[in-house]
Amino acid sequence: MNKIIIVGGSRGIGKQIINELVDDNMIINLSRNKPELTHTNLTHHNIDILNSDLPDLEDVSSLIYCPGSINLKPISRISLDEFREDFEINVIGAIKAIQKYLPCLKKSNDASILLFSTVATKLGMPYHSSVAASKSAIDGLVKTLGAELAPKIRVNAIAPTITKTDLASKLLRNEKVIENMIERHPLKKILMPEEVSKMAKFLVSKDASSISGQIFNLDAGIVSFKL
């Protein structure tokens, strides 16, 4: 049974990833809030990724970093402090977790790191300057670390379009907005957390042992197609 660290598993996509993996893996969740789920395979550490000391762990096979932000404002209105906060939660927190757990990941025979990007790094979207800038750094990190840590550790990312989570609830605030968002996507849907968690499960499994340095668009066609 593999031991997987999930940073930010109490809500949204991270929560769904725990649900997807916990029956067959030992899950160590690191987040400020405790997950609602209780399971014999789930251990929780109450931490703030930017300000807390991370716990010492052994025999870890995968690290999944889920925290993110959706801070959509015109460039004239978003402050430098907001840019810094978004960059810290999306990028600095991920680097902190990777540096902490790199030694134990290197001991695994099938180690992987999974990060999260966004379709906004590839598709120019108004008001996305902060999230696009920080997640573009994640894209670069995936490529660089994928090369640097090969062949011992695989590094990939998932880049979702808007997903039906608590984080996106302010955007998906009513049925009309949801209908318009669905219509913008060529596959006429928005993403569900279960779809992301199944991709995450695949990418940290042995079935993905030949995949590294990739950013996978779960985009309902919005990046690839113009219809």
C-alpha atoms as a PDB file:
ATOM      1  CA  MET A   1       0.000   0.000   0.000  1.00  0.00           C
ATOM      2  CA  ASN A   2       1.483   3.340  -1.095  1.00  0.00           C
ATOM      3  CA  LYS A   3       1.786   6.328   1.233  1.00  0.00           C
ATOM      4  CA  ILE A   4       0.619   9.546  -0.419  1.00  0.00           C
ATOM      5  CA  ILE A   5       0.892  13.083   0.959  1.00  0.00           C
ATOM      6  CA  ILE A   6      -1.944  15.372  -0.065  1.00  0.00           C
ATOM      7  CA  VAL A   7      -1.559  19.060   0.741  1.00  0.00           C
ATOM      8  CA  GLY A   8      -4.958  20.759   0.891  1.00  0.00           C
ATOM      9  CA  GLY A   9      -7.254  17.743   1.035  1.00  0.00           C
ATOM     10  CA  SER A  10     -10.023  19.167   3.187  1.00  0.00           C
ATOM     11  CA  ARG A  11     -11.929  20.915   0.391  1.00  0.00           C
ATOM     12  CA  GLY A  12     -12.660  20.900  -3.317  1.00  0.00           C
ATOM     13  CA  ILE A  13     -10.458  18.898  -5.645  1.00  0.00           C
ATOM     14  CA  GLY A  14      -8.135  17.824  -2.821  1.00  0.00           C
ATOM     15  CA  LYS A  15     -11.076  16.419  -0.872  1.00  0.00           C
ATOM     16  CA  GLN A  16     -12.226  14.444  -3.892  1.00  0.00           C
ATOM     17  CA  ILE A  17      -8.715  13.099  -4.484  1.00  0.00           C
ATOM     18  CA  ILE A  18      -8.669  11.749  -0.934  1.00  0.00           C
ATOM     19  CA  ASN A  19     -12.020  10.050  -1.560  1.00  0.00           C
ATOM     20  CA  GLU A  20     -10.626   8.526  -4.744  1.00  0.00           C
ATOM     21  CA  LEU A  21      -7.390   7.202  -3.234  1.00  0.00           C
ATOM     22  CA  VAL A  22      -8.047   6.424   0.413  1.00  0.00           C
ATOM     23  CA  ASP A  23      -9.392   2.881   0.069  1.00  0.00           C
ATOM     24  CA  ASP A  24      -6.191   1.602  -1.561  1.00  0.00           C
ATOM     25  CA  ASN A  25      -3.490   3.913  -0.167  1.00  0.00           C
ATOM     26  CA  MET A  26      -2.279   5.395   3.096  1.00  0.00           C
ATOM     27  CA  ILE A  27      -3.151   9.102   2.869  1.00  0.00           C
ATOM     28  CA  ILE A  28      -1.483  11.832   4.929  1.00  0.00           C
ATOM     29  CA  ASN A  29      -3.435  15.069   4.593  1.00  0.00           C
ATOM     30  CA  LEU A  30      -1.812  18.403   5.411  1.00  0.00           C
ATOM     31  CA  SER A  31      -4.239  21.307   5.692  1.00  0.00           C
ATOM     32  CA  ARG A  32      -5.618  23.921   8.063  1.00  0.00           C
ATOM     33  CA  ASN A  33      -8.955  22.136   8.316  1.00  0.00           C
ATOM     34  CA  LYS A  34      -9.595  18.479   9.022  1.00  0.00           C
ATOM     35  CA  PRO A  35     -11.329  16.528   6.246  1.00  0.00           C
ATOM     36  CA  GLU A  36     -14.902  15.488   6.946  1.00  0.00           C
ATOM     37  CA  LEU A  37     -14.046  11.931   5.945  1.00  0.00           C
ATOM     38  CA  THR A  38     -12.831   9.482   8.568  1.00  0.00           C
ATOM     39  CA  HIS A  39     -10.997   6.375   7.388  1.00  0.00           C
ATOM     40  CA  THR A  40      -8.449   3.996   8.849  1.00  0.00           C
ATOM     41  CA  ASN A  41      -6.104   4.855   5.949  1.00  0.00           C
ATOM     42  CA  LEU A  42      -6.340   8.632   6.490  1.00  0.00           C
ATOM     43  CA  THR A  43      -4.111  10.669   8.805  1.00  0.00           C
ATOM     44  CA  HIS A  44      -4.491  14.430   9.190  1.00  0.00           C
ATOM     45  CA  HIS A  45      -1.917  17.042  10.235  1.00  0.00           C
ATOM     46  CA  ASN A  46      -3.236  20.505  11.014  1.00  0.00           C
ATOM     47  CA  ILE A  47      -0.842  22.863   9.209  1.00  0.00           C
ATOM     48  CA  ASP A  48      -0.715  26.170   7.358  1.00  0.00           C
ATOM     49  CA  ILE A  49       1.457  25.341   4.349  1.00  0.00           C
ATOM     50  CA  LEU A  50       3.133  28.756   4.287  1.00  0.00           C
ATOM     51  CA  ASN A  51       3.693  29.278   8.013  1.00  0.00           C
ATOM     52  CA  SER A  52       3.842  25.874   9.733  1.00  0.00           C
ATOM     53  CA  ASP A  53       6.703  23.433  10.068  1.00  0.00           C
ATOM     54  CA  LEU A  54       5.852  20.384   7.993  1.00  0.00           C
ATOM     55  CA  PRO A  55       5.815  17.005   9.751  1.00  0.00           C
ATOM     56  CA  ASP A  56       8.623  14.512   9.243  1.00  0.00           C
ATOM     57  CA  LEU A  57       7.376  11.514   7.262  1.00  0.00           C
ATOM     58  CA  GLU A  58       8.890   8.318   5.903  1.00  0.00           C
ATOM     59  CA  ASP A  59       8.220   5.878   3.055  1.00  0.00           C
ATOM     60  CA  VAL A  60       6.330   8.374   0.904  1.00  0.00           C
ATOM     61  CA  SER A  61       5.629   7.438  -2.720  1.00  0.00           C
ATOM     62  CA  SER A  62       3.711  10.505  -3.965  1.00  0.00           C
ATOM     63  CA  LEU A  63       3.143  14.166  -3.156  1.00  0.00           C
ATOM     64  CA  ILE A  64       0.007  15.909  -4.417  1.00  0.00           C
ATOM     65  CA  TYR A  65      -0.170  19.681  -3.906  1.00  0.00           C
ATOM     66  CA  CYS A  66      -3.722  21.006  -4.258  1.00  0.00           C
ATOM     67  CA  PRO A  67      -3.932  24.551  -2.794  1.00  0.00           C
ATOM     68  CA  GLY A  68      -4.795  27.310  -5.229  1.00  0.00           C
ATOM     69  CA  SER A  69      -6.587  30.605  -5.626  1.00  0.00           C
ATOM     70  CA  ILE A  70      -9.119  32.253  -7.904  1.00  0.00           C
ATOM     71  CA  ASN A  71      -8.501  35.974  -7.552  1.00  0.00           C
ATOM     72  CA  LEU A  72     -10.048  37.570 -10.624  1.00  0.00           C
ATOM     73  CA  LYS A  73      -9.622  41.334 -10.862  1.00  0.00           C
ATOM     74  CA  PRO A  74      -8.628  43.884 -13.514  1.00  0.00           C
ATOM     75  CA  ILE A  75      -4.897  44.568 -13.501  1.00  0.00           C
ATOM     76  CA  SER A  76      -5.643  48.149 -12.409  1.00  0.00           C
ATOM     77  CA  ARG A  77      -7.383  46.923  -9.253  1.00  0.00           C
ATOM     78  CA  ILE A  78      -5.352  43.950  -8.075  1.00  0.00           C
ATOM     79  CA  SER A  79      -2.713  44.908  -5.532  1.00  0.00           C
ATOM     80  CA  LEU A  80       0.900  43.801  -5.377  1.00  0.00           C
ATOM     81  CA  ASP A  81       0.136  42.146  -2.049  1.00  0.00           C
ATOM     82  CA  GLU A  82      -2.593  40.077  -3.729  1.00  0.00           C
ATOM     83  CA  PHE A  83      -0.131  39.054  -6.450  1.00  0.00           C
ATOM     84  CA  ARG A  84       2.331  37.992  -3.758  1.00  0.00           C
ATOM     85  CA  GLU A  85      -0.303  36.062  -1.808  1.00  0.00           C
ATOM     86  CA  ASP A  86      -1.438  34.164  -4.907  1.00  0.00           C
ATOM     87  CA  PHE A  87       2.147  33.369  -5.873  1.00  0.00           C
ATOM     88  CA  GLU A  88       2.978  32.161  -2.381  1.00  0.00           C
ATOM     89  CA  ILE A  89       0.011  29.800  -2.059  1.00  0.00           C
ATOM     90  CA  ASN A  90       0.322  28.445  -5.614  1.00  0.00           C
ATOM     91  CA  VAL A  91       4.098  28.267  -6.009  1.00  0.00           C
ATOM     92  CA  ILE A  92       6.070  28.863  -2.798  1.00  0.00           C
ATOM     93  CA  GLY A  93       3.894  26.433  -0.844  1.00  0.00           C
ATOM     94  CA  ALA A  94       4.451  23.768  -3.494  1.00  0.00           C
ATOM     95  CA  ILE A  95       8.219  24.324  -3.460  1.00  0.00           C
ATOM     96  CA  LYS A  96       8.267  24.170   0.344  1.00  0.00           C
ATOM     97  CA  ALA A  97       6.463  20.800   0.327  1.00  0.00           C
ATOM     98  CA  ILE A  98       8.666  19.414  -2.463  1.00  0.00           C
ATOM     99  CA  GLN A  99      11.903  20.411  -0.705  1.00  0.00           C
ATOM    100  CA  LYS A 100      10.692  18.939   2.588  1.00  0.00           C
ATOM    101  CA  TYR A 101       9.673  15.560   1.196  1.00  0.00           C
ATOM    102  CA  LEU A 102      12.182  15.157  -1.627  1.00  0.00           C
ATOM    103  CA  PRO A 103      14.558  12.959   0.435  1.00  0.00           C
ATOM    104  CA  CYS A 104      11.866  10.399   1.261  1.00  0.00           C
ATOM    105  CA  LEU A 105      10.429  10.506  -2.268  1.00  0.00           C
ATOM    106  CA  LYS A 106      13.867   9.645  -3.636  1.00  0.00           C
ATOM    107  CA  LYS A 107      13.809   6.434  -1.582  1.00  0.00           C
ATOM    108  CA  SER A 108      10.679   5.190  -3.345  1.00  0.00           C
ATOM    109  CA  ASN A 109      10.829   2.927  -6.377  1.00  0.00           C
ATOM    110  CA  ASP A 110       7.809   4.621  -7.969  1.00  0.00           C
ATOM    111  CA  ALA A 111       7.799   8.231  -6.780  1.00  0.00           C
ATOM    112  CA  SER A 112       5.715  11.032  -8.247  1.00  0.00           C
ATOM    113  CA  ILE A 113       4.793  14.652  -7.671  1.00  0.00           C
ATOM    114  CA  LEU A 114       1.490  16.048  -8.898  1.00  0.00           C
ATOM    115  CA  LEU A 115       0.812  19.794  -9.060  1.00  0.00           C
ATOM    116  CA  PHE A 116      -2.084  21.886 -10.346  1.00  0.00           C
ATOM    117  CA  SER A 117      -2.056  24.463 -13.128  1.00  0.00           C
ATOM    118  CA  THR A 118      -4.958  26.071 -15.008  1.00  0.00           C
ATOM    119  CA  VAL A 119      -6.216  26.492 -18.561  1.00  0.00           C
ATOM    120  CA  ALA A 120      -5.634  30.238 -18.061  1.00  0.00           C
ATOM    121  CA  THR A 121      -1.889  29.739 -18.662  1.00  0.00           C
ATOM    122  CA  LYS A 122      -2.631  28.826 -22.288  1.00  0.00           C
ATOM    123  CA  LEU A 123      -5.830  30.724 -23.029  1.00  0.00           C
ATOM    124  CA  GLY A 124      -5.750  34.487 -22.595  1.00  0.00           C
ATOM    125  CA  MET A 125      -8.602  35.368 -20.250  1.00  0.00           C
ATOM    126  CA  PRO A 126      -9.397  38.840 -18.844  1.00  0.00           C
ATOM    127  CA  TYR A 127      -8.908  39.377 -15.103  1.00  0.00           C
ATOM    128  CA  HIS A 128      -6.741  36.253 -14.709  1.00  0.00           C
ATOM    129  CA  SER A 129      -3.368  38.012 -14.468  1.00  0.00           C
ATOM    130  CA  SER A 130      -2.504  36.840 -10.956  1.00  0.00           C
ATOM    131  CA  VAL A 131      -3.633  33.220 -11.239  1.00  0.00           C
ATOM    132  CA  ALA A 132      -2.202  32.891 -14.766  1.00  0.00           C
ATOM    133  CA  ALA A 133       1.169  34.261 -13.663  1.00  0.00           C
ATOM    134  CA  SER A 134       1.467  31.960 -10.651  1.00  0.00           C
ATOM    135  CA  LYS A 135       0.208  28.872 -12.443  1.00  0.00           C
ATOM    136  CA  SER A 136       2.559  29.560 -15.368  1.00  0.00           C
ATOM    137  CA  ALA A 137       5.331  29.234 -12.802  1.00  0.00           C
ATOM    138  CA  ILE A 138       3.901  25.807 -11.928  1.00  0.00           C
ATOM    139  CA  ASP A 139       4.071  24.829 -15.613  1.00  0.00           C
ATOM    140  CA  GLY A 140       7.748  25.796 -15.686  1.00  0.00           C
ATOM    141  CA  LEU A 141       8.397  23.983 -12.431  1.00  0.00           C
ATOM    142  CA  VAL A 142       6.887  20.770 -13.813  1.00  0.00           C
ATOM    143  CA  LYS A 143       9.170  20.851 -16.847  1.00  0.00           C
ATOM    144  CA  THR A 144      12.293  21.736 -14.879  1.00  0.00           C
ATOM    145  CA  LEU A 145      11.792  19.302 -12.012  1.00  0.00           C
ATOM    146  CA  GLY A 146      10.652  16.555 -14.377  1.00  0.00           C
ATOM    147  CA  ALA A 147      14.076  16.781 -16.031  1.00  0.00           C
ATOM    148  CA  GLU A 148      16.037  17.351 -12.833  1.00  0.00           C
ATOM    149  CA  LEU A 149      14.497  14.506 -10.845  1.00  0.00           C
ATOM    150  CA  ALA A 150      14.404  11.882 -13.619  1.00  0.00           C
ATOM    151  CA  PRO A 151      14.563   8.939 -13.492  1.00  0.00           C
ATOM    152  CA  LYS A 152      13.686   8.639  -9.790  1.00  0.00           C
ATOM    153  CA  ILE A 153      10.671  10.948  -9.516  1.00  0.00           C
ATOM    154  CA  ARG A 154       7.977  11.743 -12.068  1.00  0.00           C
ATOM    155  CA  VAL A 155       6.526  15.276 -12.041  1.00  0.00           C
ATOM    156  CA  ASN A 156       3.248  16.213 -13.740  1.00  0.00           C
ATOM    157  CA  ALA A 157       0.397  18.690 -13.420  1.00  0.00           C
ATOM    158  CA  ILE A 158      -3.311  18.837 -14.146  1.00  0.00           C
ATOM    159  CA  ALA A 159      -4.670  22.054 -15.664  1.00  0.00           C
ATOM    160  CA  PRO A 160      -8.428  22.119 -15.106  1.00  0.00           C
ATOM    161  CA  THR A 161     -10.964  24.478 -16.555  1.00  0.00           C
ATOM    162  CA  ILE A 162     -13.466  25.882 -14.083  1.00  0.00           C
ATOM    163  CA  THR A 163     -14.523  23.083 -11.765  1.00  0.00           C
ATOM    164  CA  LYS A 164     -17.619  22.809  -9.601  1.00  0.00           C
ATOM    165  CA  THR A 165     -16.001  23.316  -6.190  1.00  0.00           C
ATOM    166  CA  ASP A 166     -16.385  25.651  -3.212  1.00  0.00           C
ATOM    167  CA  LEU A 167     -13.469  27.703  -4.542  1.00  0.00           C
ATOM    168  CA  ALA A 168     -15.361  28.421  -7.767  1.00  0.00           C
ATOM    169  CA  SER A 169     -18.746  28.993  -6.129  1.00  0.00           C
ATOM    170  CA  LYS A 170     -18.490  32.792  -6.447  1.00  0.00           C
ATOM    171  CA  LEU A 171     -18.044  32.398 -10.208  1.00  0.00           C
ATOM    172  CA  LEU A 172     -20.758  29.764 -10.584  1.00  0.00           C
ATOM    173  CA  ARG A 173     -23.134  31.881  -8.534  1.00  0.00           C
ATOM    174  CA  ASN A 174     -26.423  31.133 -10.321  1.00  0.00           C
ATOM    175  CA  GLU A 175     -27.966  28.933 -12.991  1.00  0.00           C
ATOM    176  CA  LYS A 176     -27.640  31.564 -15.718  1.00  0.00           C
ATOM    177  CA  VAL A 177     -23.897  31.932 -15.138  1.00  0.00           C
ATOM    178  CA  ILE A 178     -23.498  28.150 -15.121  1.00  0.00           C
ATOM    179  CA  GLU A 179     -25.409  27.855 -18.407  1.00  0.00           C
ATOM    180  CA  ASN A 180     -23.215  30.525 -20.012  1.00  0.00           C
ATOM    181  CA  MET A 181     -20.064  28.800 -18.751  1.00  0.00           C
ATOM    182  CA  ILE A 182     -21.223  25.459 -20.130  1.00  0.00           C
ATOM    183  CA  GLU A 183     -21.974  27.060 -23.490  1.00  0.00           C
ATOM    184  CA  ARG A 184     -18.426  28.494 -23.715  1.00  0.00           C
ATOM    185  CA  HIS A 185     -16.913  24.992 -23.613  1.00  0.00           C
ATOM    186  CA  PRO A 186     -16.990  22.962 -26.847  1.00  0.00           C
ATOM    187  CA  LEU A 187     -17.967  19.808 -24.936  1.00  0.00           C
ATOM    188  CA  LYS A 188     -20.856  21.750 -23.374  1.00  0.00           C
ATOM    189  CA  LYS A 189     -20.020  21.016 -19.768  1.00  0.00           C
ATOM    190  CA  ILE A 190     -18.019  22.221 -16.828  1.00  0.00           C
ATOM    191  CA  LEU A 191     -15.620  20.028 -14.955  1.00  0.00           C
ATOM    192  CA  MET A 192     -16.609  17.956 -11.936  1.00  0.00           C
ATOM    193  CA  PRO A 193     -14.128  17.196  -9.101  1.00  0.00           C
ATOM    194  CA  GLU A 194     -14.555  13.460  -9.697  1.00  0.00           C
ATOM    195  CA  GLU A 195     -13.077  13.810 -13.185  1.00  0.00           C
ATOM    196  CA  VAL A 196     -10.002  15.560 -11.801  1.00  0.00           C
ATOM    197  CA  SER A 197      -9.527  13.015  -9.021  1.00  0.00           C
ATOM    198  CA  LYS A 198      -9.599  10.117 -11.477  1.00  0.00           C
ATOM    199  CA  MET A 199      -6.872  11.782 -13.548  1.00  0.00           C
ATOM    200  CA  ALA A 200      -4.878  12.371 -10.370  1.00  0.00           C
ATOM    201  CA  LYS A 201      -5.253   8.720  -9.398  1.00  0.00           C
ATOM    202  CA  PHE A 202      -3.903   7.661 -12.780  1.00  0.00           C
ATOM    203  CA  LEU A 203      -0.939  10.048 -12.735  1.00  0.00           C
ATOM    204  CA  VAL A 204       0.362   8.855  -9.357  1.00  0.00           C
ATOM    205  CA  SER A 205      -0.137   5.188 -10.259  1.00  0.00           C
ATOM    206  CA  LYS A 206       2.254   2.728 -11.892  1.00  0.00           C
ATOM    207  CA  ASP A 207       0.070   2.905 -15.003  1.00  0.00           C
ATOM    208  CA  ALA A 208       1.629   6.341 -15.609  1.00  0.00           C
ATOM    209  CA  SER A 209       5.217   5.202 -15.058  1.00  0.00           C
ATOM    210  CA  SER A 210       6.309   6.561 -18.479  1.00  0.00           C
ATOM    211  CA  ILE A 211       4.733   9.986 -18.036  1.00  0.00           C
ATOM    212  CA  SER A 212       6.661  12.961 -16.632  1.00  0.00           C
ATOM    213  CA  GLY A 213       6.996  16.671 -17.342  1.00  0.00           C
ATOM    214  CA  GLN A 214       3.455  16.909 -18.690  1.00  0.00           C
ATOM    215  CA  ILE A 215       0.634  19.373 -18.039  1.00  0.00           C
ATOM    216  CA  PHE A 216      -2.711  17.724 -18.758  1.00  0.00           C
ATOM    217  CA  ASN A 217      -5.555  20.022 -19.825  1.00  0.00           C
ATOM    218  CA  LEU A 218      -8.895  18.908 -18.415  1.00  0.00           C
ATOM    219  CA  ASP A 219     -10.585  21.653 -20.362  1.00  0.00           C
ATOM    220  CA  ALA A 220     -13.828  20.388 -21.961  1.00  0.00           C
ATOM    221  CA  GLY A 221     -12.197  21.492 -25.221  1.00  0.00           C
ATOM    222  CA  ILE A 222     -11.932  25.209 -24.436  1.00  0.00           C
ATOM    223  CA  VAL A 223      -8.157  25.414 -25.011  1.00  0.00           C
ATOM    224  CA  SER A 224      -7.983  23.109 -28.047  1.00  0.00           C
ATOM    225  CA  PHE A 225     -11.114  23.951 -30.056  1.00  0.00           C
ATOM    226  CA  LYS A 226     -12.799  27.008 -31.510  1.00  0.00           C
ATOM    227  CA  LEU A 227     -16.312  26.118 -32.625  1.00  0.00           C
END
